[in-house]
Amino acid sequence: MYIRCAFFRGHVRPGSEDAFTQFVRDRLVPLWTRFPGADEVRVLRQEEADVAEPHYAMVLAIRYPSRAAIEEALASEVRTKSRAVTAELMPLFDGDIFHTVFRADEFPMSPERG
């Protein structure tokens, strides 16, 4: 499996936190959850970190079964639309966005946790 992440490196502008969150939920999540080939969409918001910087206001993590599924999503019309809508979000955000693809392995939890 693969996970493609969009890292929103930086900070939401002071006083814009609620508007940022609402915009993501109302305008972007409905698009991201329509990406072809995607199995799961997660929106991560940084609560704490052991370093001051870099700060990630948000990380979008979308799980795909294959690299081909990622390519399909990247070539899709809904992805083009999501990029345009993301541009509308940027006045609420001081920072930049970059993407990374991770190959991910999953392991079941041990029954001997304790």
PDB file of N, CA and C in Angstrom:
ATOM      1  N   MET A   1       0.847  -1.166   0.000  1.00  0.00           N
ATOM      2  CA  MET A   1       0.000   0.000   0.000  1.00  0.00           C
ATOM      3  C   MET A   1       0.892   1.228   0.000  1.00  0.00           C
ATOM      4  N   TYR A   2       0.319   2.331  -0.462  1.00  0.00           N
ATOM      5  CA  TYR A   2       1.039   3.601  -0.543  1.00  0.00           C
ATOM      6  C   TYR A   2       0.188   4.693   0.091  1.00  0.00           C
ATOM      7  N   ILE A   3       0.865   5.640   0.690  1.00  0.00           N
ATOM      8  CA  ILE A   3       0.188   6.792   1.271  1.00  0.00           C
ATOM      9  C   ILE A   3       0.834   8.052   0.708  1.00  0.00           C
ATOM     10  N   ARG A   4       0.018   8.846   0.054  1.00  0.00           N
ATOM     11  CA  ARG A   4       0.504  10.128  -0.479  1.00  0.00           C
ATOM     12  C   ARG A   4       0.050  11.211   0.484  1.00  0.00           C
ATOM     13  N   CYS A   5       1.020  11.979   0.969  1.00  0.00           N
ATOM     14  CA  CYS A   5       0.744  13.017   1.951  1.00  0.00           C
ATOM     15  C   CYS A   5       1.001  14.396   1.368  1.00  0.00           C
ATOM     16  N   ALA A   6       0.139  15.319   1.733  1.00  0.00           N
ATOM     17  CA  ALA A   6       0.357  16.735   1.461  1.00  0.00           C
ATOM     18  C   ALA A   6       0.642  17.387   2.801  1.00  0.00           C
ATOM     19  N   PHE A   7       1.854  17.898   2.969  1.00  0.00           N
ATOM     20  CA  PHE A   7       2.263  18.543   4.207  1.00  0.00           C
ATOM     21  C   PHE A   7       2.045  20.044   4.079  1.00  0.00           C
ATOM     22  N   PHE A   8       1.197  20.584   4.924  1.00  0.00           N
ATOM     23  CA  PHE A   8       0.985  22.027   5.000  1.00  0.00           C
ATOM     24  C   PHE A   8       1.953  22.547   6.070  1.00  0.00           C
ATOM     25  N   ARG A   9       3.158  22.886   5.617  1.00  0.00           N
ATOM     26  CA  ARG A   9       4.227  23.306   6.532  1.00  0.00           C
ATOM     27  C   ARG A   9       4.068  24.798   6.797  1.00  0.00           C
ATOM     28  N   GLY A  10       3.787  25.131   8.045  1.00  0.00           N
ATOM     29  CA  GLY A  10       3.586  26.518   8.424  1.00  0.00           C
ATOM     30  C   GLY A  10       2.461  26.628   9.433  1.00  0.00           C
ATOM     31  N   HIS A  11       1.869  27.796   9.479  1.00  0.00           N
ATOM     32  CA  HIS A  11       0.853  28.078  10.499  1.00  0.00           C
ATOM     33  C   HIS A  11      -0.390  28.683   9.867  1.00  0.00           C
ATOM     34  N   VAL A  12      -1.528  28.336  10.435  1.00  0.00           N
ATOM     35  CA  VAL A  12      -2.762  29.014  10.081  1.00  0.00           C
ATOM     36  C   VAL A  12      -2.649  30.434  10.636  1.00  0.00           C
ATOM     37  N   ARG A  13      -3.072  31.403   9.868  1.00  0.00           N
ATOM     38  CA  ARG A  13      -2.979  32.798  10.314  1.00  0.00           C
ATOM     39  C   ARG A  13      -3.797  32.994  11.592  1.00  0.00           C
ATOM     40  N   PRO A  14      -3.249  33.733  12.550  1.00  0.00           N
ATOM     41  CA  PRO A  14      -3.965  33.960  13.813  1.00  0.00           C
ATOM     42  C   PRO A  14      -5.369  34.506  13.572  1.00  0.00           C
ATOM     43  N   GLY A  15      -6.335  33.924  14.272  1.00  0.00           N
ATOM     44  CA  GLY A  15      -7.723  34.323  14.130  1.00  0.00           C
ATOM     45  C   GLY A  15      -8.450  33.617  12.996  1.00  0.00           C
ATOM     46  N   SER A  16      -7.724  32.830  12.196  1.00  0.00           N
ATOM     47  CA  SER A  16      -8.320  32.143  11.050  1.00  0.00           C
ATOM     48  C   SER A  16      -8.479  30.641  11.272  1.00  0.00           C
ATOM     49  N   GLU A  17      -8.198  30.166  12.470  1.00  0.00           N
ATOM     50  CA  GLU A  17      -8.195  28.729  12.721  1.00  0.00           C
ATOM     51  C   GLU A  17      -9.547  28.080  12.421  1.00  0.00           C
ATOM     52  N   ASP A  18     -10.633  28.664  12.915  1.00  0.00           N
ATOM     53  CA  ASP A  18     -11.950  28.084  12.686  1.00  0.00           C
ATOM     54  C   ASP A  18     -12.324  28.129  11.209  1.00  0.00           C
ATOM     55  N   ALA A  19     -12.025  29.229  10.549  1.00  0.00           N
ATOM     56  CA  ALA A  19     -12.334  29.359   9.120  1.00  0.00           C
ATOM     57  C   ALA A  19     -11.529  28.347   8.308  1.00  0.00           C
ATOM     58  N   PHE A  20     -10.271  28.142   8.666  1.00  0.00           N
ATOM     59  CA  PHE A  20      -9.417  27.176   7.986  1.00  0.00           C
ATOM     60  C   PHE A  20     -10.008  25.776   8.117  1.00  0.00           C
ATOM     61  N   THR A  21     -10.331  25.383   9.346  1.00  0.00           N
ATOM     62  CA  THR A  21     -10.885  24.058   9.607  1.00  0.00           C
ATOM     63  C   THR A  21     -12.197  23.858   8.862  1.00  0.00           C
ATOM     64  N   GLN A  22     -13.071  24.843   8.901  1.00  0.00           N
ATOM     65  CA  GLN A  22     -14.371  24.745   8.235  1.00  0.00           C
ATOM     66  C   GLN A  22     -14.209  24.664   6.723  1.00  0.00           C
ATOM     67  N   PHE A  23     -13.284  25.438   6.168  1.00  0.00           N
ATOM     68  CA  PHE A  23     -13.035  25.404   4.733  1.00  0.00           C
ATOM     69  C   PHE A  23     -12.571  24.017   4.307  1.00  0.00           C
ATOM     70  N   VAL A  24     -11.642  23.452   5.054  1.00  0.00           N
ATOM     71  CA  VAL A  24     -11.138  22.114   4.732  1.00  0.00           C
ATOM     72  C   VAL A  24     -12.286  21.106   4.769  1.00  0.00           C
ATOM     73  N   ARG A  25     -13.071  21.137   5.831  1.00  0.00           N
ATOM     74  CA  ARG A  25     -14.175  20.169   5.975  1.00  0.00           C
ATOM     75  C   ARG A  25     -15.251  20.346   4.906  1.00  0.00           C
ATOM     76  N   ASP A  26     -15.611  21.589   4.630  1.00  0.00           N
ATOM     77  CA  ASP A  26     -16.741  21.845   3.732  1.00  0.00           C
ATOM     78  C   ASP A  26     -16.374  21.824   2.261  1.00  0.00           C
ATOM     79  N   ARG A  27     -15.165  22.262   1.926  1.00  0.00           N
ATOM     80  CA  ARG A  27     -14.824  22.441   0.514  1.00  0.00           C
ATOM     81  C   ARG A  27     -13.818  21.419  -0.004  1.00  0.00           C
ATOM     82  N   LEU A  28     -12.863  21.017   0.833  1.00  0.00           N
ATOM     83  CA  LEU A  28     -11.804  20.135   0.342  1.00  0.00           C
ATOM     84  C   LEU A  28     -12.062  18.658   0.612  1.00  0.00           C
ATOM     85  N   VAL A  29     -12.486  18.317   1.804  1.00  0.00           N
ATOM     86  CA  VAL A  29     -12.730  16.903   2.106  1.00  0.00           C
ATOM     87  C   VAL A  29     -13.710  16.277   1.103  1.00  0.00           C
ATOM     88  N   PRO A  30     -14.795  16.959   0.723  1.00  0.00           N
ATOM     89  CA  PRO A  30     -15.683  16.348  -0.276  1.00  0.00           C
ATOM     90  C   PRO A  30     -14.990  16.056  -1.610  1.00  0.00           C
ATOM     91  N   LEU A  31     -13.992  16.829  -1.960  1.00  0.00           N
ATOM     92  CA  LEU A  31     -13.231  16.552  -3.180  1.00  0.00           C
ATOM     93  C   LEU A  31     -12.233  15.426  -2.948  1.00  0.00           C
ATOM     94  N   TRP A  32     -11.479  15.501  -1.871  1.00  0.00           N
ATOM     95  CA  TRP A  32     -10.455  14.490  -1.605  1.00  0.00           C
ATOM     96  C   TRP A  32     -11.053  13.095  -1.493  1.00  0.00           C
ATOM     97  N   THR A  33     -12.246  12.991  -0.934  1.00  0.00           N
ATOM     98  CA  THR A  33     -12.871  11.670  -0.774  1.00  0.00           C
ATOM     99  C   THR A  33     -13.449  11.139  -2.089  1.00  0.00           C
ATOM    100  N   ARG A  34     -13.347  11.923  -3.158  1.00  0.00           N
ATOM    101  CA  ARG A  34     -13.776  11.474  -4.486  1.00  0.00           C
ATOM    102  C   ARG A  34     -12.594  11.086  -5.373  1.00  0.00           C
ATOM    103  N   PHE A  35     -11.364  11.159  -4.867  1.00  0.00           N
ATOM    104  CA  PHE A  35     -10.213  10.800  -5.697  1.00  0.00           C
ATOM    105  C   PHE A  35     -10.339   9.345  -6.139  1.00  0.00           C
ATOM    106  N   PRO A  36     -10.244   9.094  -7.434  1.00  0.00           N
ATOM    107  CA  PRO A  36     -10.345   7.711  -7.907  1.00  0.00           C
ATOM    108  C   PRO A  36      -9.178   6.873  -7.383  1.00  0.00           C
ATOM    109  N   GLY A  37      -9.481   5.645  -7.023  1.00  0.00           N
ATOM    110  CA  GLY A  37      -8.446   4.719  -6.578  1.00  0.00           C
ATOM    111  C   GLY A  37      -8.065   4.836  -5.117  1.00  0.00           C
ATOM    112  N   ALA A  38      -8.505   5.883  -4.433  1.00  0.00           N
ATOM    113  CA  ALA A  38      -8.141   6.073  -3.026  1.00  0.00           C
ATOM    114  C   ALA A  38      -8.951   5.129  -2.136  1.00  0.00           C
ATOM    115  N   ASP A  39      -8.296   4.616  -1.091  1.00  0.00           N
ATOM    116  CA  ASP A  39      -8.950   3.738  -0.124  1.00  0.00           C
ATOM    117  C   ASP A  39      -9.341   4.460   1.156  1.00  0.00           C
ATOM    118  N   GLU A  40      -8.623   5.529   1.484  1.00  0.00           N
ATOM    119  CA  GLU A  40      -8.860   6.208   2.765  1.00  0.00           C
ATOM    120  C   GLU A  40      -8.291   7.613   2.694  1.00  0.00           C
ATOM    121  N   VAL A  41      -8.988   8.549   3.336  1.00  0.00           N
ATOM    122  CA  VAL A  41      -8.516   9.930   3.456  1.00  0.00           C
ATOM    123  C   VAL A  41      -8.453  10.274   4.936  1.00  0.00           C
ATOM    124  N   ARG A  42      -7.320  10.799   5.353  1.00  0.00           N
ATOM    125  CA  ARG A  42      -7.163  11.276   6.733  1.00  0.00           C
ATOM    126  C   ARG A  42      -6.642  12.706   6.696  1.00  0.00           C
ATOM    127  N   VAL A  43      -7.201  13.537   7.543  1.00  0.00           N
ATOM    128  CA  VAL A  43      -6.725  14.899   7.712  1.00  0.00           C
ATOM    129  C   VAL A  43      -6.154  14.978   9.123  1.00  0.00           C
ATOM    130  N   LEU A  44      -4.867  15.241   9.210  1.00  0.00           N
ATOM    131  CA  LEU A  44      -4.159  15.276  10.486  1.00  0.00           C
ATOM    132  C   LEU A  44      -3.870  16.723  10.864  1.00  0.00           C
ATOM    133  N   ARG A  45      -4.129  17.063  12.098  1.00  0.00           N
ATOM    134  CA  ARG A  45      -3.840  18.409  12.605  1.00  0.00           C
ATOM    135  C   ARG A  45      -2.847  18.275  13.748  1.00  0.00           C
ATOM    136  N   GLN A  46      -1.755  18.994  13.673  1.00  0.00           N
ATOM    137  CA  GLN A  46      -0.695  18.884  14.673  1.00  0.00           C
ATOM    138  C   GLN A  46      -1.173  19.438  16.008  1.00  0.00           C
ATOM    139  N   GLU A  47      -1.122  18.597  17.032  1.00  0.00           N
ATOM    140  CA  GLU A  47      -1.491  18.984  18.394  1.00  0.00           C
ATOM    141  C   GLU A  47      -0.265  19.349  19.222  1.00  0.00           C
ATOM    142  N   GLU A  48       0.803  18.613  18.999  1.00  0.00           N
ATOM    143  CA  GLU A  48       2.043  18.889  19.732  1.00  0.00           C
ATOM    144  C   GLU A  48       3.185  18.254  18.979  1.00  0.00           C
ATOM    145  N   ALA A  49       4.392  18.681  19.301  1.00  0.00           N
ATOM    146  CA  ALA A  49       5.593  18.133  18.686  1.00  0.00           C
ATOM    147  C   ALA A  49       6.756  18.307  19.653  1.00  0.00           C
ATOM    148  N   ASP A  50       7.790  17.517  19.455  1.00  0.00           N
ATOM    149  CA  ASP A  50       8.951  17.651  20.327  1.00  0.00           C
ATOM    150  C   ASP A  50       9.967  18.651  19.781  1.00  0.00           C
ATOM    151  N   VAL A  51       9.626  19.324  18.691  1.00  0.00           N
ATOM    152  CA  VAL A  51      10.440  20.419  18.142  1.00  0.00           C
ATOM    153  C   VAL A  51       9.505  21.567  17.784  1.00  0.00           C
ATOM    154  N   ALA A  52      10.014  22.782  17.838  1.00  0.00           N
ATOM    155  CA  ALA A  52       9.194  23.946  17.508  1.00  0.00           C
ATOM    156  C   ALA A  52       8.959  24.057  16.007  1.00  0.00           C
ATOM    157  N   GLU A  53       9.955  23.736  15.228  1.00  0.00           N
ATOM    158  CA  GLU A  53       9.855  23.813  13.767  1.00  0.00           C
ATOM    159  C   GLU A  53      10.493  22.571  13.162  1.00  0.00           C
ATOM    160  N   PRO A  54      10.005  22.072  12.088  1.00  0.00           N
ATOM    161  CA  PRO A  54       8.893  22.636  11.335  1.00  0.00           C
ATOM    162  C   PRO A  54       7.560  22.349  12.015  1.00  0.00           C
ATOM    163  N   HIS A  55       6.623  23.242  11.775  1.00  0.00           N
ATOM    164  CA  HIS A  55       5.257  23.061  12.255  1.00  0.00           C
ATOM    165  C   HIS A  55       4.399  22.690  11.049  1.00  0.00           C
ATOM    166  N   TYR A  56       3.531  21.722  11.226  1.00  0.00           N
ATOM    167  CA  TYR A  56       2.616  21.311  10.167  1.00  0.00           C
ATOM    168  C   TYR A  56       1.199  21.641  10.610  1.00  0.00           C
ATOM    169  N   ALA A  57       0.610  22.639   9.991  1.00  0.00           N
ATOM    170  CA  ALA A  57      -0.758  23.019  10.327  1.00  0.00           C
ATOM    171  C   ALA A  57      -1.714  21.881  10.007  1.00  0.00           C
ATOM    172  N   MET A  58      -1.361  21.130   8.961  1.00  0.00           N
ATOM    173  CA  MET A  58      -2.209  20.027   8.543  1.00  0.00           C
ATOM    174  C   MET A  58      -1.393  19.086   7.669  1.00  0.00           C
ATOM    175  N   VAL A  59      -1.751  17.811   7.723  1.00  0.00           N
ATOM    176  CA  VAL A  59      -1.212  16.825   6.786  1.00  0.00           C
ATOM    177  C   VAL A  59      -2.401  16.058   6.227  1.00  0.00           C
ATOM    178  N   LEU A  60      -2.489  16.036   4.914  1.00  0.00           N
ATOM    179  CA  LEU A  60      -3.494  15.222   4.231  1.00  0.00           C
ATOM    180  C   LEU A  60      -2.819  13.911   3.873  1.00  0.00           C
ATOM    181  N   ALA A  61      -3.392  12.799   4.313  1.00  0.00           N
ATOM    182  CA  ALA A  61      -2.837  11.476   4.022  1.00  0.00           C
ATOM    183  C   ALA A  61      -3.903  10.650   3.299  1.00  0.00           C
ATOM    184  N   ILE A  62      -3.596  10.279   2.052  1.00  0.00           N
ATOM    185  CA  ILE A  62      -4.534   9.484   1.268  1.00  0.00           C
ATOM    186  C   ILE A  62      -3.881   8.141   0.960  1.00  0.00           C
ATOM    187  N   ARG A  63      -4.580   7.062   1.330  1.00  0.00           N
ATOM    188  CA  ARG A  63      -4.062   5.706   1.136  1.00  0.00           C
ATOM    189  C   ARG A  63      -4.533   5.160  -0.204  1.00  0.00           C
ATOM    190  N   TYR A  64      -3.605   4.542  -0.923  1.00  0.00           N
ATOM    191  CA  TYR A  64      -3.867   3.938  -2.225  1.00  0.00           C
ATOM    192  C   TYR A  64      -3.325   2.509  -2.232  1.00  0.00           C
ATOM    193  N   PRO A  65      -3.928   1.627  -3.013  1.00  0.00           N
ATOM    194  CA  PRO A  65      -3.447   0.252  -3.075  1.00  0.00           C
ATOM    195  C   PRO A  65      -2.201   0.077  -3.949  1.00  0.00           C
ATOM    196  N   SER A  66      -1.933   1.044  -4.838  1.00  0.00           N
ATOM    197  CA  SER A  66      -0.824   0.883  -5.785  1.00  0.00           C
ATOM    198  C   SER A  66      -0.345   2.241  -6.282  1.00  0.00           C
ATOM    199  N   ARG A  67       0.830   2.234  -6.903  1.00  0.00           N
ATOM    200  CA  ARG A  67       1.337   3.457  -7.542  1.00  0.00           C
ATOM    201  C   ARG A  67       0.445   3.833  -8.723  1.00  0.00           C
ATOM    202  N   ALA A  68      -0.104   2.839  -9.406  1.00  0.00           N
ATOM    203  CA  ALA A  68      -1.002   3.118 -10.533  1.00  0.00           C
ATOM    204  C   ALA A  68      -2.244   3.869 -10.057  1.00  0.00           C
ATOM    205  N   ALA A  69      -2.750   3.521  -8.895  1.00  0.00           N
ATOM    206  CA  ALA A  69      -3.915   4.220  -8.347  1.00  0.00           C
ATOM    207  C   ALA A  69      -3.571   5.676  -8.031  1.00  0.00           C
ATOM    208  N   ILE A  70      -2.364   5.917  -7.549  1.00  0.00           N
ATOM    209  CA  ILE A  70      -1.927   7.297  -7.295  1.00  0.00           C
ATOM    210  C   ILE A  70      -1.896   8.075  -8.598  1.00  0.00           C
ATOM    211  N   GLU A  71      -1.316   7.482  -9.619  1.00  0.00           N
ATOM    212  CA  GLU A  71      -1.232   8.155 -10.919  1.00  0.00           C
ATOM    213  C   GLU A  71      -2.617   8.461 -11.468  1.00  0.00           C
ATOM    214  N   GLU A  72      -3.547   7.537 -11.285  1.00  0.00           N
ATOM    215  CA  GLU A  72      -4.922   7.769 -11.730  1.00  0.00           C
ATOM    216  C   GLU A  72      -5.526   8.974 -10.999  1.00  0.00           C
ATOM    217  N   ALA A  73      -5.316   9.038  -9.706  1.00  0.00           N
ATOM    218  CA  ALA A  73      -5.849  10.156  -8.919  1.00  0.00           C
ATOM    219  C   ALA A  73      -5.213  11.480  -9.339  1.00  0.00           C
ATOM    220  N   LEU A  74      -3.904  11.460  -9.559  1.00  0.00           N
ATOM    221  CA  LEU A  74      -3.203  12.699  -9.930  1.00  0.00           C
ATOM    222  C   LEU A  74      -3.650  13.213 -11.298  1.00  0.00           C
ATOM    223  N   ALA A  75      -4.072  12.324 -12.156  1.00  0.00           N
ATOM    224  CA  ALA A  75      -4.510  12.715 -13.502  1.00  0.00           C
ATOM    225  C   ALA A  75      -6.001  13.049 -13.563  1.00  0.00           C
ATOM    226  N   SER A  76      -6.688  12.940 -12.443  1.00  0.00           N
ATOM    227  CA  SER A  76      -8.141  13.080 -12.456  1.00  0.00           C
ATOM    228  C   SER A  76      -8.590  14.538 -12.458  1.00  0.00           C
ATOM    229  N   GLU A  77      -9.807  14.712 -12.943  1.00  0.00           N
ATOM    230  CA  GLU A  77     -10.437  16.029 -12.958  1.00  0.00           C
ATOM    231  C   GLU A  77     -10.691  16.530 -11.538  1.00  0.00           C
ATOM    232  N   VAL A  78     -11.059  15.630 -10.631  1.00  0.00           N
ATOM    233  CA  VAL A  78     -11.333  16.045  -9.252  1.00  0.00           C
ATOM    234  C   VAL A  78     -10.053  16.546  -8.575  1.00  0.00           C
ATOM    235  N   ARG A  79      -8.913  16.002  -8.917  1.00  0.00           N
ATOM    236  CA  ARG A  79      -7.657  16.509  -8.357  1.00  0.00           C
ATOM    237  C   ARG A  79      -7.372  17.913  -8.874  1.00  0.00           C
ATOM    238  N   THR A  80      -7.621  18.156 -10.152  1.00  0.00           N
ATOM    239  CA  THR A  80      -7.445  19.497 -10.714  1.00  0.00           C
ATOM    240  C   THR A  80      -8.334  20.494  -9.971  1.00  0.00           C
ATOM    241  N   LYS A  81      -9.578  20.098  -9.735  1.00  0.00           N
ATOM    242  CA  LYS A  81     -10.507  20.957  -8.996  1.00  0.00           C
ATOM    243  C   LYS A  81     -10.010  21.189  -7.572  1.00  0.00           C
ATOM    244  N   SER A  82      -9.497  20.157  -6.913  1.00  0.00           N
ATOM    245  CA  SER A  82      -9.041  20.316  -5.528  1.00  0.00           C
ATOM    246  C   SER A  82      -7.857  21.271  -5.436  1.00  0.00           C
ATOM    247  N   ARG A  83      -7.019  21.283  -6.444  1.00  0.00           N
ATOM    248  CA  ARG A  83      -5.885  22.227  -6.454  1.00  0.00           C
ATOM    249  C   ARG A  83      -6.386  23.670  -6.550  1.00  0.00           C
ATOM    250  N   ALA A  84      -7.413  23.895  -7.359  1.00  0.00           N
ATOM    251  CA  ALA A  84      -7.982  25.238  -7.483  1.00  0.00           C
ATOM    252  C   ALA A  84      -8.631  25.677  -6.166  1.00  0.00           C
ATOM    253  N   VAL A  85      -9.342  24.760  -5.515  1.00  0.00           N
ATOM    254  CA  VAL A  85      -9.991  25.091  -4.247  1.00  0.00           C
ATOM    255  C   VAL A  85      -8.933  25.296  -3.157  1.00  0.00           C
ATOM    256  N   THR A  86      -7.871  24.507  -3.168  1.00  0.00           N
ATOM    257  CA  THR A  86      -6.784  24.696  -2.196  1.00  0.00           C
ATOM    258  C   THR A  86      -6.185  26.091  -2.332  1.00  0.00           C
ATOM    259  N   ALA A  87      -6.082  26.597  -3.538  1.00  0.00           N
ATOM    260  CA  ALA A  87      -5.558  27.963  -3.739  1.00  0.00           C
ATOM    261  C   ALA A  87      -6.429  28.989  -3.017  1.00  0.00           C
ATOM    262  N   GLU A  88      -7.721  28.737  -2.933  1.00  0.00           N
ATOM    263  CA  GLU A  88      -8.618  29.630  -2.206  1.00  0.00           C
ATOM    264  C   GLU A  88      -8.367  29.593  -0.694  1.00  0.00           C
ATOM    265  N   LEU A  89      -7.817  28.494  -0.201  1.00  0.00           N
ATOM    266  CA  LEU A  89      -7.512  28.340   1.225  1.00  0.00           C
ATOM    267  C   LEU A  89      -6.267  29.121   1.638  1.00  0.00           C
ATOM    268  N   MET A  90      -5.377  29.358   0.721  1.00  0.00           N
ATOM    269  CA  MET A  90      -4.054  29.895   1.050  1.00  0.00           C
ATOM    270  C   MET A  90      -4.060  31.252   1.752  1.00  0.00           C
ATOM    271  N   PRO A  91      -5.027  32.149   1.558  1.00  0.00           N
ATOM    272  CA  PRO A  91      -5.019  33.393   2.334  1.00  0.00           C
ATOM    273  C   PRO A  91      -5.164  33.188   3.844  1.00  0.00           C
ATOM    274  N   LEU A  92      -5.600  31.994   4.259  1.00  0.00           N
ATOM    275  CA  LEU A  92      -5.732  31.682   5.685  1.00  0.00           C
ATOM    276  C   LEU A  92      -4.485  31.027   6.252  1.00  0.00           C
ATOM    277  N   PHE A  93      -3.475  30.818   5.432  1.00  0.00           N
ATOM    278  CA  PHE A  93      -2.329  29.980   5.796  1.00  0.00           C
ATOM    279  C   PHE A  93      -1.016  30.671   5.427  1.00  0.00           C
ATOM    280  N   ASP A  94      -0.084  30.689   6.365  1.00  0.00           N
ATOM    281  CA  ASP A  94       1.276  31.187   6.115  1.00  0.00           C
ATOM    282  C   ASP A  94       2.203  29.987   6.057  1.00  0.00           C
ATOM    283  N   GLY A  95       2.606  29.612   4.864  1.00  0.00           N
ATOM    284  CA  GLY A  95       3.508  28.479   4.731  1.00  0.00           C
ATOM    285  C   GLY A  95       3.493  27.956   3.316  1.00  0.00           C
ATOM    286  N   ASP A  96       3.925  26.720   3.173  1.00  0.00           N
ATOM    287  CA  ASP A  96       3.954  26.088   1.864  1.00  0.00           C
ATOM    288  C   ASP A  96       3.406  24.676   1.981  1.00  0.00           C
ATOM    289  N   ILE A  97       3.203  24.065   0.825  1.00  0.00           N
ATOM    290  CA  ILE A  97       2.671  22.708   0.763  1.00  0.00           C
ATOM    291  C   ILE A  97       3.616  21.883  -0.095  1.00  0.00           C
ATOM    292  N   PHE A  98       3.962  20.689   0.391  1.00  0.00           N
ATOM    293  CA  PHE A  98       4.729  19.754  -0.428  1.00  0.00           C
ATOM    294  C   PHE A  98       4.146  18.363  -0.240  1.00  0.00           C
ATOM    295  N   HIS A  99       4.445  17.491  -1.200  1.00  0.00           N
ATOM    296  CA  HIS A  99       3.866  16.143  -1.217  1.00  0.00           C
ATOM    297  C   HIS A  99       4.965  15.085  -1.128  1.00  0.00           C
ATOM    298  N   THR A 100       4.624  13.993  -0.471  1.00  0.00           N
ATOM    299  CA  THR A 100       5.514  12.851  -0.349  1.00  0.00           C
ATOM    300  C   THR A 100       4.685  11.582  -0.489  1.00  0.00           C
ATOM    301  N   VAL A 101       5.238  10.586  -1.172  1.00  0.00           N
ATOM    302  CA  VAL A 101       4.593   9.276  -1.264  1.00  0.00           C
ATOM    303  C   VAL A 101       5.394   8.310  -0.406  1.00  0.00           C
ATOM    304  N   PHE A 102       4.707   7.630   0.492  1.00  0.00           N
ATOM    305  CA  PHE A 102       5.314   6.620   1.351  1.00  0.00           C
ATOM    306  C   PHE A 102       4.820   5.242   0.930  1.00  0.00           C
ATOM    307  N   ARG A 103       5.692   4.275   0.918  1.00  0.00           N
ATOM    308  CA  ARG A 103       5.268   2.878   0.835  1.00  0.00           C
ATOM    309  C   ARG A 103       5.010   2.462   2.281  1.00  0.00           C
ATOM    310  N   ALA A 104       3.875   1.849   2.538  1.00  0.00           N
ATOM    311  CA  ALA A 104       3.504   1.543   3.917  1.00  0.00           C
ATOM    312  C   ALA A 104       3.251   0.051   4.086  1.00  0.00           C
ATOM    313  N   ASP A 105       3.749  -0.492   5.154  1.00  0.00           N
ATOM    314  CA  ASP A 105       3.478  -1.862   5.553  1.00  0.00           C
ATOM    315  C   ASP A 105       2.642  -1.805   6.825  1.00  0.00           C
ATOM    316  N   GLU A 106       1.633  -2.652   6.917  1.00  0.00           N
ATOM    317  CA  GLU A 106       0.804  -2.720   8.115  1.00  0.00           C
ATOM    318  C   GLU A 106       1.096  -4.006   8.855  1.00  0.00           C
ATOM    319  N   PHE A 107       1.066  -3.925  10.168  1.00  0.00           N
ATOM    320  CA  PHE A 107       1.323  -5.084  11.013  1.00  0.00           C
ATOM    321  C   PHE A 107       0.244  -5.168  12.077  1.00  0.00           C
ATOM    322  N   PRO A 108      -0.284  -6.362  12.319  1.00  0.00           N
ATOM    323  CA  PRO A 108      -1.305  -6.489  13.370  1.00  0.00           C
ATOM    324  C   PRO A 108      -0.681  -6.258  14.745  1.00  0.00           C
ATOM    325  N   MET A 109      -1.477  -5.752  15.658  1.00  0.00           N
ATOM    326  CA  MET A 109      -1.007  -5.523  17.015  1.00  0.00           C
ATOM    327  C   MET A 109      -0.831  -6.874  17.720  1.00  0.00           C
ATOM    328  N   SER A 110       0.168  -6.954  18.537  1.00  0.00           N
ATOM    329  CA  SER A 110       0.441  -8.173  19.279  1.00  0.00           C
ATOM    330  C   SER A 110      -0.627  -8.368  20.362  1.00  0.00           C
ATOM    331  N   PRO A 111      -1.094  -9.598  20.510  1.00  0.00           N
ATOM    332  CA  PRO A 111      -2.048  -9.864  21.591  1.00  0.00           C
ATOM    333  C   PRO A 111      -1.387  -9.769  22.961  1.00  0.00           C
ATOM    334  N   GLU A 112      -0.056  -9.691  22.986  1.00  0.00           N
ATOM    335  CA  GLU A 112       0.688  -9.664  24.251  1.00  0.00           C
ATOM    336  C   GLU A 112       1.037  -8.236  24.665  1.00  0.00           C
ATOM    337  N   ARG A 113       0.258  -7.273  24.198  1.00  0.00           N
ATOM    338  CA  ARG A 113       0.514  -5.879  24.617  1.00  0.00           C
ATOM    339  C   ARG A 113       0.293  -5.759  26.091  1.00  0.00           C
ATOM    340  N   GLY A 114       1.049  -4.887  26.698  1.00  0.00           N
ATOM    341  CA  GLY A 114       0.778  -4.785  28.088  1.00  0.00           C
ATOM    342  C   GLY A 114       1.442  -3.717  28.775  1.00  0.00           C
TER     343      GLY A 114
END
